[in-house]
PDB file of N, CA and C in Angstrom:
ATOM      1  N   MET A   1      85.262 -13.718  47.660  1.00  0.00           N
ATOM      2  CA  MET A   1      84.471 -12.580  46.999  1.00  0.00           C
ATOM      3  C   MET A   1      84.519 -12.714  45.514  1.00  0.00           C
ATOM      4  N   ARG A   2      85.654 -13.183  44.912  1.00  0.00           N
ATOM      5  CA  ARG A   2      85.584 -13.180  43.250  1.00  0.00           C
ATOM      6  C   ARG A   2      85.014 -14.554  43.095  1.00  0.00           C
ATOM      7  N   ALA A   3      84.834 -15.620  43.623  1.00  0.00           N
ATOM      8  CA  ALA A   3      84.001 -16.561  42.953  1.00  0.00           C
ATOM      9  C   ALA A   3      82.394 -16.414  43.427  1.00  0.00           C
ATOM     10  N   SER A   4      82.018 -15.493  44.306  1.00  0.00           N
ATOM     11  CA  SER A   4      80.454 -15.389  44.402  1.00  0.00           C
ATOM     12  C   SER A   4      80.055 -14.424  43.312  1.00  0.00           C
ATOM     13  N   LYS A   5      80.967 -13.379  42.926  1.00  0.00           N
ATOM     14  CA  LYS A   5      80.453 -12.632  41.906  1.00  0.00           C
ATOM     15  C   LYS A   5      80.748 -13.592  40.361  1.00  0.00           C
ATOM     16  N   LEU A   6      81.478 -14.781  40.206  1.00  0.00           N
ATOM     17  CA  LEU A   6      81.375 -15.250  38.621  1.00  0.00           C
ATOM     18  C   LEU A   6      80.384 -16.223  39.055  1.00  0.00           C
ATOM     19  N   ILE A   7      79.882 -16.602  40.243  1.00  0.00           N
ATOM     20  CA  ILE A   7      78.276 -17.368  39.937  1.00  0.00           C
ATOM     21  C   ILE A   7      77.024 -16.443  39.950  1.00  0.00           C
ATOM     22  N   ALA A   8      77.374 -15.515  40.619  1.00  0.00           N
ATOM     23  CA  ALA A   8      76.239 -14.271  40.071  1.00  0.00           C
ATOM     24  C   ALA A   8      76.197 -13.938  38.387  1.00  0.00           C
ATOM     25  N   GLN A   9      77.302 -13.945  38.205  1.00  0.00           N
ATOM     26  CA  GLN A   9      77.061 -13.309  36.700  1.00  0.00           C
ATOM     27  C   GLN A   9      76.642 -14.642  35.826  1.00  0.00           C
ATOM     28  N   THR A  10      77.378 -16.114  36.432  1.00  0.00           N
ATOM     29  CA  THR A  10      76.796 -16.975  35.490  1.00  0.00           C
ATOM     30  C   THR A  10      75.408 -17.457  35.601  1.00  0.00           C
ATOM     31  N   GLU A  11      74.676 -17.101  36.995  1.00  0.00           N
ATOM     32  CA  GLU A  11      73.372 -17.273  36.704  1.00  0.00           C
ATOM     33  C   GLU A  11      72.311 -16.326  36.191  1.00  0.00           C
ATOM     34  N   LYS A  12      73.058 -15.050  35.982  1.00  0.00           N
ATOM     35  CA  LYS A  12      72.521 -14.020  35.399  1.00  0.00           C
ATOM     36  C   LYS A  12      72.519 -14.353  33.859  1.00  0.00           C
ATOM     37  N   SER A  13      73.641 -14.822  33.205  1.00  0.00           N
ATOM     38  CA  SER A  13      73.792 -15.200  32.161  1.00  0.00           C
ATOM     39  C   SER A  13      72.796 -16.653  31.724  1.00  0.00           C
ATOM     40  N   ASP A  14      72.635 -17.385  32.442  1.00  0.00           N
ATOM     41  CA  ASP A  14      71.361 -18.849  32.704  1.00  0.00           C
ATOM     42  C   ASP A  14      70.434 -18.107  32.470  1.00  0.00           C
ATOM     43  N   GLU A  15      69.837 -16.871  33.129  1.00  0.00           N
ATOM     44  CA  GLU A  15      68.421 -16.632  33.184  1.00  0.00           C
ATOM     45  C   GLU A  15      68.446 -16.047  32.096  1.00  0.00           C
ATOM     46  N   ARG A  16      69.096 -15.242  31.133  1.00  0.00           N
ATOM     47  CA  ARG A  16      69.226 -14.623  29.782  1.00  0.00           C
ATOM     48  C   ARG A  16      68.752 -16.030  29.045  1.00  0.00           C
ATOM     49  N   LEU A  17      69.532 -17.178  28.948  1.00  0.00           N
ATOM     50  CA  LEU A  17      69.349 -18.057  27.879  1.00  0.00           C
ATOM     51  C   LEU A  17      67.999 -18.618  28.219  1.00  0.00           C
ATOM     52  N   ASN A  18      67.284 -18.703  29.188  1.00  0.00           N
ATOM     53  CA  ASN A  18      65.949 -19.434  29.404  1.00  0.00           C
ATOM     54  C   ASN A  18      64.943 -18.439  29.371  1.00  0.00           C
ATOM     55  N   MET A  19      65.177 -17.148  28.938  1.00  0.00           N
ATOM     56  CA  MET A  19      63.923 -16.415  28.763  1.00  0.00           C
ATOM     57  C   MET A  19      63.474 -16.567  27.498  1.00  0.00           C
ATOM     58  N   PRO A  20      61.991 -16.504  27.235  1.00  0.00           N
ATOM     59  CA  PRO A  20      61.262 -17.020  26.074  1.00  0.00           C
ATOM     60  C   PRO A  20      61.708 -16.117  24.681  1.00  0.00           C
ATOM     61  N   ARG A  21      61.379 -16.624  23.738  1.00  0.00           N
ATOM     62  CA  ARG A  21      61.578 -16.424  22.376  1.00  0.00           C
ATOM     63  C   ARG A  21      60.412 -16.179  21.918  1.00  0.00           C
ATOM     64  N   TYR A  22      59.722 -14.654  21.171  1.00  0.00           N
ATOM     65  CA  TYR A  22      58.450 -14.436  20.688  1.00  0.00           C
ATOM     66  C   TYR A  22      59.008 -14.065  19.131  1.00  0.00           C
ATOM     67  N   HIS A  23      57.845 -14.742  18.632  1.00  0.00           N
ATOM     68  CA  HIS A  23      57.740 -14.373  16.850  1.00  0.00           C
ATOM     69  C   HIS A  23      56.371 -13.565  16.821  1.00  0.00           C
ATOM     70  N   PHE A  24      56.600 -12.837  15.863  1.00  0.00           N
ATOM     71  CA  PHE A  24      55.639 -11.631  15.506  1.00  0.00           C
ATOM     72  C   PHE A  24      55.280 -12.090  14.048  1.00  0.00           C
ATOM     73  N   HIS A  25      54.475 -12.780  14.064  1.00  0.00           N
ATOM     74  CA  HIS A  25      53.780 -13.154  12.643  1.00  0.00           C
ATOM     75  C   HIS A  25      52.697 -11.939  11.851  1.00  0.00           C
ATOM     76  N   MET A  26      52.964 -11.194  10.825  1.00  0.00           N
ATOM     77  CA  MET A  26      51.819 -10.536  10.563  1.00  0.00           C
ATOM     78  C   MET A  26      51.076 -11.038   9.256  1.00  0.00           C
ATOM     79  N   LYS A  27      49.734 -10.945   9.246  1.00  0.00           N
ATOM     80  CA  LYS A  27      48.985 -11.347   8.346  1.00  0.00           C
ATOM     81  C   LYS A  27      47.695 -10.612   8.232  1.00  0.00           C
ATOM     82  N   SER A  28      47.088 -11.075   6.960  1.00  0.00           N
ATOM     83  CA  SER A  28      45.931 -10.250   7.084  1.00  0.00           C
ATOM     84  C   SER A  28      45.210 -11.176   5.994  1.00  0.00           C
ATOM     85  N   LYS A  29      44.218 -11.045   4.946  1.00  0.00           N
ATOM     86  CA  LYS A  29      43.269 -12.340   4.314  1.00  0.00           C
ATOM     87  C   LYS A  29      44.111 -12.516   3.233  1.00  0.00           C
ATOM     88  N   GLN A  30      45.033 -11.922   2.384  1.00  0.00           N
ATOM     89  CA  GLN A  30      45.609 -11.627   1.176  1.00  0.00           C
ATOM     90  C   GLN A  30      47.163 -12.086   1.631  1.00  0.00           C
ATOM     91  N   SER A  31      47.814 -11.686   3.133  1.00  0.00           N
ATOM     92  CA  SER A  31      48.987 -11.331   2.937  1.00  0.00           C
ATOM     93  C   SER A  31      49.591 -11.998   4.342  1.00  0.00           C
ATOM     94  N   LYS A  32      50.832 -12.675   4.144  1.00  0.00           N
ATOM     95  CA  LYS A  32      51.230 -13.319   5.521  1.00  0.00           C
ATOM     96  C   LYS A  32      53.046 -12.551   5.296  1.00  0.00           C
ATOM     97  N   ILE A  33      53.170 -12.653   6.729  1.00  0.00           N
ATOM     98  CA  ILE A  33      54.884 -11.607   6.900  1.00  0.00           C
ATOM     99  C   ILE A  33      55.326 -12.563   8.005  1.00  0.00           C
ATOM    100  N   PRO A  34      55.931 -13.643   7.977  1.00  0.00           N
ATOM    101  CA  PRO A  34      56.143 -14.542   8.772  1.00  0.00           C
ATOM    102  C   PRO A  34      57.389 -14.132   9.715  1.00  0.00           C
ATOM    103  N   ASP A  35      57.581 -14.024  10.832  1.00  0.00           N
ATOM    104  CA  ASP A  35      58.916 -13.911  11.526  1.00  0.00           C
ATOM    105  C   ASP A  35      59.732 -15.095  11.926  1.00  0.00           C
ATOM    106  N   ASP A  36      60.746 -15.529  11.373  1.00  0.00           N
ATOM    107  CA  ASP A  36      61.287 -16.536  11.406  1.00  0.00           C
ATOM    108  C   ASP A  36      62.319 -16.264  12.630  1.00  0.00           C
ATOM    109  N   SER A  37      63.032 -15.238  12.882  1.00  0.00           N
ATOM    110  CA  SER A  37      64.253 -15.030  13.692  1.00  0.00           C
ATOM    111  C   SER A  37      63.340 -14.845  15.204  1.00  0.00           C
ATOM    112  N   GLY A  38      62.483 -13.868  15.318  1.00  0.00           N
ATOM    113  CA  GLY A  38      61.774 -13.740  16.759  1.00  0.00           C
ATOM    114  C   GLY A  38      62.579 -12.746  17.678  1.00  0.00           C
ATOM    115  N   GLN A  39      62.291 -12.448  18.692  1.00  0.00           N
ATOM    116  CA  GLN A  39      63.257 -11.887  19.660  1.00  0.00           C
ATOM    117  C   GLN A  39      62.966 -12.293  21.079  1.00  0.00           C
ATOM    118  N   VAL A  40      63.905 -12.395  21.637  1.00  0.00           N
ATOM    119  CA  VAL A  40      63.952 -12.498  23.350  1.00  0.00           C
ATOM    120  C   VAL A  40      63.488 -11.603  24.054  1.00  0.00           C
ATOM    121  N   LEU A  41      62.602 -11.842  25.031  1.00  0.00           N
ATOM    122  CA  LEU A  41      62.069 -10.923  25.701  1.00  0.00           C
ATOM    123  C   LEU A  41      61.618 -11.484  26.954  1.00  0.00           C
ATOM    124  N   ASN A  42      61.491 -10.575  28.029  1.00  0.00           N
ATOM    125  CA  ASN A  42      61.142 -11.009  29.556  1.00  0.00           C
ATOM    126  C   ASN A  42      59.988 -11.806  29.924  1.00  0.00           C
ATOM    127  N   SER A  43      58.848 -11.548  29.059  1.00  0.00           N
ATOM    128  CA  SER A  43      57.097 -11.674  29.426  1.00  0.00           C
ATOM    129  C   SER A  43      56.316 -11.670  27.681  1.00  0.00           C
ATOM    130  N   THR A  44      55.455 -12.203  28.320  1.00  0.00           N
ATOM    131  CA  THR A  44      54.421 -12.155  27.170  1.00  0.00           C
ATOM    132  C   THR A  44      54.159 -10.648  27.031  1.00  0.00           C
ATOM    133  N   TRP A  45      53.689  -9.946  28.410  1.00  0.00           N
ATOM    134  CA  TRP A  45      53.513  -8.562  28.163  1.00  0.00           C
ATOM    135  C   TRP A  45      54.613  -7.726  27.412  1.00  0.00           C
ATOM    136  N   GLU A  46      55.986  -7.836  27.612  1.00  0.00           N
ATOM    137  CA  GLU A  46      56.728  -7.231  26.695  1.00  0.00           C
ATOM    138  C   GLU A  46      56.661  -7.531  25.454  1.00  0.00           C
ATOM    139  N   ALA A  47      55.911  -8.835  25.092  1.00  0.00           N
ATOM    140  CA  ALA A  47      55.635  -9.263  23.966  1.00  0.00           C
ATOM    141  C   ALA A  47      54.788  -8.092  23.011  1.00  0.00           C
ATOM    142  N   TYR A  48      53.701  -8.132  24.002  1.00  0.00           N
ATOM    143  CA  TYR A  48      52.632  -7.524  23.489  1.00  0.00           C
ATOM    144  C   TYR A  48      52.766  -6.377  23.281  1.00  0.00           C
ATOM    145  N   LEU A  49      53.546  -5.465  24.227  1.00  0.00           N
ATOM    146  CA  LEU A  49      54.069  -3.891  24.132  1.00  0.00           C
ATOM    147  C   LEU A  49      54.708  -3.987  22.608  1.00  0.00           C
ATOM    148  N   ARG A  50      55.617  -4.776  22.455  1.00  0.00           N
ATOM    149  CA  ARG A  50      56.362  -4.486  21.353  1.00  0.00           C
ATOM    150  C   ARG A  50      55.581  -5.221  19.948  1.00  0.00           C
ATOM    151  N   ALA A  51      54.481  -5.769  20.181  1.00  0.00           N
ATOM    152  CA  ALA A  51      53.536  -5.722  18.885  1.00  0.00           C
ATOM    153  C   ALA A  51      53.088  -4.201  18.781  1.00  0.00           C
ATOM    154  N   LYS A  52      52.519  -3.835  19.806  1.00  0.00           N
ATOM    155  CA  LYS A  52      51.939  -2.830  19.698  1.00  0.00           C
ATOM    156  C   LYS A  52      52.811  -1.508  19.368  1.00  0.00           C
ATOM    157  N   GLU A  53      54.143  -1.531  19.377  1.00  0.00           N
ATOM    158  CA  GLU A  53      55.316  -0.927  18.750  1.00  0.00           C
ATOM    159  C   GLU A  53      55.255  -1.204  17.187  1.00  0.00           C
ATOM    160  N   ILE A  54      55.247  -2.059  16.661  1.00  0.00           N
ATOM    161  CA  ILE A  54      55.191  -2.642  15.569  1.00  0.00           C
ATOM    162  C   ILE A  54      54.035  -1.986  14.938  1.00  0.00           C
ATOM    163  N   VAL A  55      52.885  -2.203  15.680  1.00  0.00           N
ATOM    164  CA  VAL A  55      51.614  -1.534  14.855  1.00  0.00           C
ATOM    165  C   VAL A  55      51.834  -0.311  14.319  1.00  0.00           C
ATOM    166  N   ARG A  56      52.304   0.657  15.642  1.00  0.00           N
ATOM    167  CA  ARG A  56      52.545   1.881  15.262  1.00  0.00           C
ATOM    168  C   ARG A  56      53.473   2.406  14.358  1.00  0.00           C
ATOM    169  N   LYS A  57      54.718   1.623  13.826  1.00  0.00           N
ATOM    170  CA  LYS A  57      55.599   1.757  13.161  1.00  0.00           C
ATOM    171  C   LYS A  57      55.020   1.300  11.688  1.00  0.00           C
ATOM    172  N   CYS A  58      53.938   0.134  11.650  1.00  0.00           N
ATOM    173  CA  CYS A  58      53.674  -0.156  10.136  1.00  0.00           C
ATOM    174  C   CYS A  58      52.328   0.738   9.710  1.00  0.00           C
ATOM    175  N   ILE A  59      51.574   1.246  10.696  1.00  0.00           N
ATOM    176  CA  ILE A  59      50.025   1.455  10.081  1.00  0.00           C
ATOM    177  C   ILE A  59      50.037   2.268   9.031  1.00  0.00           C
ATOM    178  N   GLN A  60      51.342   3.380   8.649  1.00  0.00           N
ATOM    179  CA  GLN A  60      51.460   4.374   7.734  1.00  0.00           C
ATOM    180  C   GLN A  60      51.640   3.652   6.149  1.00  0.00           C
ATOM    181  N   TYR A  61      52.163   2.278   6.489  1.00  0.00           N
ATOM    182  CA  TYR A  61      52.269   1.498   5.378  1.00  0.00           C
ATOM    183  C   TYR A  61      51.120   0.445   4.658  1.00  0.00           C
ATOM    184  N   VAL A  62      50.246   0.224   5.792  1.00  0.00           N
ATOM    185  CA  VAL A  62      49.263  -0.914   5.296  1.00  0.00           C
ATOM    186  C   VAL A  62      48.025  -0.017   4.911  1.00  0.00           C
ATOM    187  N   ASP A  63      47.196  -1.195   3.957  1.00  0.00           N
ATOM    188  CA  ASP A  63      45.793  -0.394   3.610  1.00  0.00           C
ATOM    189  C   ASP A  63      44.506  -1.070   4.566  1.00  0.00           C
ATOM    190  N   LEU A  64      44.481  -0.062   5.225  1.00  0.00           N
ATOM    191  CA  LEU A  64      43.371  -0.280   6.739  1.00  0.00           C
ATOM    192  C   LEU A  64      42.109  -0.748   6.096  1.00  0.00           C
ATOM    193  N   ASP A  65      41.841   0.340   4.991  1.00  0.00           N
ATOM    194  CA  ASP A  65      40.556   0.057   4.288  1.00  0.00           C
ATOM    195  C   ASP A  65      40.589  -1.154   3.515  1.00  0.00           C
ATOM    196  N   ASP A  66      41.178  -1.668   3.286  1.00  0.00           N
ATOM    197  CA  ASP A  66      41.069  -3.129   2.350  1.00  0.00           C
ATOM    198  C   ASP A  66      41.492  -4.305   2.998  1.00  0.00           C
ATOM    199  N   GLU A  67      42.269  -4.295   3.901  1.00  0.00           N
ATOM    200  CA  GLU A  67      42.237  -5.458   4.627  1.00  0.00           C
ATOM    201  C   GLU A  67      42.629  -5.231   5.906  1.00  0.00           C
ATOM    202  N   GLN A  68      42.431  -5.954   6.925  1.00  0.00           N
ATOM    203  CA  GLN A  68      42.537  -6.150   8.541  1.00  0.00           C
ATOM    204  C   GLN A  68      43.737  -7.020   8.710  1.00  0.00           C
ATOM    205  N   TRP A  69      44.872  -6.197   9.324  1.00  0.00           N
ATOM    206  CA  TRP A  69      46.008  -6.936   9.618  1.00  0.00           C
ATOM    207  C   TRP A  69      45.771  -7.061  11.200  1.00  0.00           C
ATOM    208  N   ILE A  70      46.678  -8.483  11.527  1.00  0.00           N
ATOM    209  CA  ILE A  70      47.013  -8.844  12.876  1.00  0.00           C
ATOM    210  C   ILE A  70      48.505  -8.892  12.975  1.00  0.00           C
ATOM    211  N   ILE A  71      48.740  -9.174  14.370  1.00  0.00           N
ATOM    212  CA  ILE A  71      50.294  -9.838  14.600  1.00  0.00           C
ATOM    213  C   ILE A  71      49.965 -10.895  15.461  1.00  0.00           C
ATOM    214  N   ASN A  72      50.238 -12.263  15.357  1.00  0.00           N
ATOM    215  CA  ASN A  72      49.955 -13.097  15.721  1.00  0.00           C
ATOM    216  C   ASN A  72      51.288 -13.704  16.718  1.00  0.00           C
ATOM    217  N   ILE A  73      51.552 -13.139  17.916  1.00  0.00           N
ATOM    218  CA  ILE A  73      52.749 -13.331  18.459  1.00  0.00           C
ATOM    219  C   ILE A  73      52.721 -14.936  19.409  1.00  0.00           C
ATOM    220  N   ALA A  74      53.449 -15.401  18.693  1.00  0.00           N
ATOM    221  CA  ALA A  74      54.022 -16.775  18.817  1.00  0.00           C
ATOM    222  C   ALA A  74      54.917 -17.486  19.693  1.00  0.00           C
ATOM    223  N   ASN A  75      55.316 -18.165  20.568  1.00  0.00           N
ATOM    224  CA  ASN A  75      56.237 -18.711  21.280  1.00  0.00           C
ATOM    225  C   ASN A  75      57.115 -19.497  20.003  1.00  0.00           C
ATOM    226  N   ASP A  76      58.423 -19.943  20.708  1.00  0.00           N
ATOM    227  CA  ASP A  76      59.193 -21.018  19.753  1.00  0.00           C
ATOM    228  C   ASP A  76      58.541 -22.382  19.528  1.00  0.00           C
ATOM    229  N   ALA A  77      57.594 -22.821  20.257  1.00  0.00           N
ATOM    230  CA  ALA A  77      56.777 -24.182  19.650  1.00  0.00           C
ATOM    231  C   ALA A  77      55.668 -23.690  18.800  1.00  0.00           C
ATOM    232  N   GLY A  78      55.767 -22.321  17.999  1.00  0.00           N
ATOM    233  CA  GLY A  78      54.809 -22.137  17.408  1.00  0.00           C
ATOM    234  C   GLY A  78      53.285 -21.789  17.649  1.00  0.00           C
ATOM    235  N   GLU A  79      53.149 -21.633  19.223  1.00  0.00           N
ATOM    236  CA  GLU A  79      51.504 -21.674  19.734  1.00  0.00           C
ATOM    237  C   GLU A  79      51.422 -20.198  20.012  1.00  0.00           C
ATOM    238  N   ALA A  80      50.227 -19.669  19.640  1.00  0.00           N
ATOM    239  CA  ALA A  80      49.761 -18.188  20.046  1.00  0.00           C
ATOM    240  C   ALA A  80      49.529 -17.950  21.429  1.00  0.00           C
ATOM    241  N   GLU A  81      50.450 -17.163  21.737  1.00  0.00           N
ATOM    242  CA  GLU A  81      50.192 -16.522  23.063  1.00  0.00           C
ATOM    243  C   GLU A  81      49.456 -15.181  22.840  1.00  0.00           C
ATOM    244  N   VAL A  82      49.425 -14.469  22.097  1.00  0.00           N
ATOM    245  CA  VAL A  82      48.333 -13.002  22.004  1.00  0.00           C
ATOM    246  C   VAL A  82      48.363 -12.555  20.520  1.00  0.00           C
ATOM    247  N   VAL A  83      47.247 -12.323  20.274  1.00  0.00           N
ATOM    248  CA  VAL A  83      46.867 -11.388  18.995  1.00  0.00           C
ATOM    249  C   VAL A  83      46.438 -10.236  19.130  1.00  0.00           C
ATOM    250  N   VAL A  84      47.302  -9.294  18.570  1.00  0.00           N
ATOM    251  CA  VAL A  84      47.280  -7.802  18.258  1.00  0.00           C
ATOM    252  C   VAL A  84      46.578  -7.635  16.588  1.00  0.00           C
ATOM    253  N   MET A  85      45.554  -6.684  16.975  1.00  0.00           N
ATOM    254  CA  MET A  85      44.826  -6.051  15.765  1.00  0.00           C
ATOM    255  C   MET A  85      45.152  -4.783  15.504  1.00  0.00           C
ATOM    256  N   PHE A  86      45.535  -4.656  13.835  1.00  0.00           N
ATOM    257  CA  PHE A  86      45.659  -3.137  13.490  1.00  0.00           C
ATOM    258  C   PHE A  86      44.025  -2.623  13.780  1.00  0.00           C
ATOM    259  N   PRO A  87      44.152  -1.235  14.144  1.00  0.00           N
ATOM    260  CA  PRO A  87      43.254  -0.547  14.301  1.00  0.00           C
ATOM    261  C   PRO A  87      42.557  -0.445  12.995  1.00  0.00           C
ATOM    262  N   LYS A  88      41.047  -0.586  12.978  1.00  0.00           N
ATOM    263  CA  LYS A  88      40.325   0.098  11.845  1.00  0.00           C
ATOM    264  C   LYS A  88      40.446   1.636  11.504  1.00  0.00           C
ATOM    265  N   ARG A  89      40.309   1.907  10.450  1.00  0.00           N
ATOM    266  CA  ARG A  89      40.042   3.122  10.335  1.00  0.00           C
ATOM    267  C   ARG A  89      38.443   3.372  10.368  1.00  0.00           C
ATOM    268  N   THR A  90      38.370   4.464  10.987  1.00  0.00           N
ATOM    269  CA  THR A  90      36.543   5.270  10.961  1.00  0.00           C
ATOM    270  C   THR A  90      36.537   6.219   9.731  1.00  0.00           C
ATOM    271  N   PRO A  91      35.711   6.027   9.082  1.00  0.00           N
ATOM    272  CA  PRO A  91      35.204   6.936   8.317  1.00  0.00           C
ATOM    273  C   PRO A  91      35.085   8.545   8.654  1.00  0.00           C
ATOM    274  N   MET A  92      35.646   9.441   7.795  1.00  0.00           N
ATOM    275  CA  MET A  92      35.578  10.807   8.037  1.00  0.00           C
ATOM    276  C   MET A  92      34.121  11.276   8.196  1.00  0.00           C
ATOM    277  N   VAL A  93      33.541  11.990   9.242  1.00  0.00           N
ATOM    278  CA  VAL A  93      32.232  12.325   8.733  1.00  0.00           C
ATOM    279  C   VAL A  93      32.299  14.046   8.214  1.00  0.00           C
TER     280      VAL A  93
END
């Protein structure tokens, strides 16, 4: 019984080690904010949801009238997985 529990725990640890790491590089025409450390997540979908969360938190600090910001979600090899755009502000009428 103990051996099977140990094997199950080891398999779970190995699964976590094989999970992909995603980097959330923010950029506009004038600025770049690289993400050198990244974050280990279960899937590209989770990375997309994390990027949307980053947008919600950052939107109050960026000037959306002058710059179009994006988050380039890249894997550890530097390949783009998904690009998430910050929303454009619409003029008040």
